[in-house]
Amino acid sequence: MPTYLHICTDETCGFEWEDDYSICESPPQDCPKCKKNTAKRIIYGNIIGRVELYGEDLATKLKEDGAKMRKNIYASEKAYANIIGESNYQNIQSQLDKNKRGG
């Protein structure tokens, strides 16, 4: 049977523990320490799974990913043209060329 890591999401508890059970069984929902319905199974290691983010963690992750994407887009002309559209990119380039020539 696999061993799973769990954590209590209650801020005052935060208890972590391991539990063995079949992959077909549902994970425990109650923390063994505080007895509240705040237990979550932690996915770790070389497991392909889904990680769920909520609230501030989700907002932070989205901001980081957005900043990384902008950096990558602006670093590559092809990526930038792909995002804004080829015709828009050509119009911007024409305007820049026209401004360089002074008119």
Protein backbone atom coordinates (compact mmCIF):
# COMPACT_ATOMS: atom_id res chain seq x y z
CA MET A 1 0.00 0.00 0.00
CA PRO A 2 1.26 3.50 -0.79
CA THR A 3 2.17 5.98 1.92
CA TYR A 4 0.71 9.47 1.65
CA LEU A 5 1.75 12.69 3.36
CA HIS A 6 -1.03 14.81 4.86
CA ILE A 7 -1.27 18.22 6.48
CA CYS A 8 -3.90 19.97 8.56
CA THR A 9 -4.80 23.25 6.86
CA ASP A 10 -6.04 24.78 10.12
CA GLU A 11 -3.66 27.69 10.84
CA THR A 12 -3.56 26.95 14.57
CA CYS A 13 -2.73 23.26 14.03
CA GLY A 14 -0.67 22.62 10.86
CA PHE A 15 -0.03 19.01 11.92
CA GLU A 16 1.71 16.78 9.32
CA TRP A 17 1.49 13.00 9.22
CA GLU A 18 1.88 9.98 6.94
CA ASP A 19 -0.85 7.43 6.36
CA ASP A 20 -0.97 4.13 4.44
CA TYR A 21 -4.07 3.24 2.44
CA SER A 22 -5.14 1.95 -0.96
CA ILE A 23 -5.19 4.32 -3.90
CA CYS A 24 -8.89 3.41 -4.26
CA GLU A 25 -9.69 4.74 -0.78
CA SER A 26 -10.58 8.35 -0.11
CA PRO A 27 -7.99 10.36 1.83
CA PRO A 28 -8.76 11.20 5.45
CA GLN A 29 -10.64 14.45 5.99
CA ASP A 30 -10.18 14.84 9.76
CA CYS A 31 -6.89 15.82 11.35
CA PRO A 32 -5.83 13.22 13.95
CA LYS A 33 -4.47 15.96 16.22
CA CYS A 34 -7.14 18.69 16.28
CA LYS A 35 -9.98 16.47 14.96
CA LYS A 36 -11.17 19.22 12.58
CA ASN A 37 -12.26 18.50 9.00
CA THR A 38 -9.17 20.28 7.59
CA ALA A 39 -6.92 17.43 6.39
CA LYS A 40 -5.38 17.58 2.91
CA ARG A 41 -3.25 14.99 1.14
CA ILE A 42 0.07 16.40 -0.12
CA ILE A 43 1.32 15.38 -3.57
CA TYR A 44 5.10 15.10 -3.71
CA GLY A 45 7.92 13.18 -5.37
CA ASN A 46 7.80 11.91 -8.95
CA ILE A 47 4.03 11.68 -8.99
CA ILE A 48 2.06 13.26 -11.78
CA GLY A 49 -0.89 14.95 -10.15
CA ARG A 50 -2.81 18.12 -9.70
CA VAL A 51 -1.84 20.85 -7.29
CA GLU A 52 -4.60 23.22 -6.28
CA LEU A 53 -3.84 26.78 -5.24
CA TYR A 54 -6.30 29.12 -3.58
CA GLY A 55 -6.48 32.74 -2.53
CA GLU A 56 -3.21 34.59 -2.16
CA ASP A 57 -1.12 31.60 -3.31
CA LEU A 58 -3.07 31.44 -6.57
CA ALA A 59 -2.84 35.21 -7.13
CA THR A 60 0.92 35.16 -6.49
CA LYS A 61 1.44 32.23 -8.88
CA LEU A 62 -0.60 33.91 -11.62
CA LYS A 63 1.38 37.16 -11.25
CA GLU A 64 4.69 35.28 -11.41
CA ASP A 65 3.59 33.29 -14.46
CA GLY A 66 2.32 36.45 -16.18
CA ALA A 67 5.59 38.29 -15.56
CA LYS A 68 7.57 35.31 -16.88
CA MET A 69 5.38 35.11 -19.99
CA ARG A 70 5.72 38.86 -20.69
CA LYS A 71 9.50 38.60 -20.37
CA ASN A 72 9.59 35.68 -22.83
CA ILE A 73 7.24 37.40 -25.28
CA TYR A 74 9.17 40.66 -25.35
CA ALA A 75 12.45 38.77 -25.75
CA SER A 76 11.34 37.19 -29.04
CA GLU A 77 9.99 39.06 -32.09
CA LYS A 78 8.23 35.92 -33.31
CA ALA A 79 6.51 35.33 -29.96
CA TYR A 80 5.46 38.99 -29.76
CA ALA A 81 4.08 38.94 -33.31
CA ASN A 82 2.24 35.71 -32.54
CA ILE A 83 0.58 37.19 -29.45
CA ILE A 84 -0.56 40.52 -30.93
CA GLY A 85 -1.14 39.23 -34.46
CA GLU A 86 1.06 39.49 -37.52
CA SER A 87 -0.75 42.49 -39.04
CA ASN A 88 -0.64 44.44 -35.76
CA TYR A 89 3.04 43.65 -35.42
CA GLN A 90 3.70 44.88 -38.98
CA ASN A 91 1.75 48.10 -38.28
CA ILE A 92 3.79 48.76 -35.14
CA GLN A 93 7.04 48.13 -37.01
CA SER A 94 5.95 50.48 -39.82
CA GLN A 95 5.15 53.21 -37.29
CA LEU A 96 8.53 52.75 -35.59
CA ASP A 97 10.34 52.92 -38.95
CA LYS A 98 8.36 56.03 -39.93
CA ASN A 99 9.23 57.72 -36.61
CA LYS A 100 12.93 56.89 -37.07
CA ARG A 101 12.87 58.57 -40.49
CA GLY A 102 11.28 61.64 -38.92
CA GLY A 103 7.93 61.60 -40.43
